Amino acid sequence: WDTSERLNYKIAEYSVAVLKDKPHFHISFIMNVSPECDCWNHNDAAIIPDLGMLASADPVALDKACADLVIQAPVLHSDNV
């Protein structure tokens, strides 16, 4: 991302403050993974199959598990990667 390191740090800091000492649960869907950020106004064809839904009380572990699954997934369209 082209954002500043300070902004990323502050987002993480505020997230910790919101969640601290409160029950929380996180869910991620690994679907329609495209080669570019889905925040763009266009989206290309998926480059891996839909891998489903993951959930955890630990958001960092959840992100790591999602990343590991995406890395291990078979590529659908090598020309888009």
Foldseek 3Di string as FASTA:
>chain_A
DPDDPVVVVVVVVVVCVVPPPHQDKDKDWQAQDFPDDPVDPDGDGRQFHGPGMDMDSDPVVVVVVVVVCVVPTDTDDVVRD
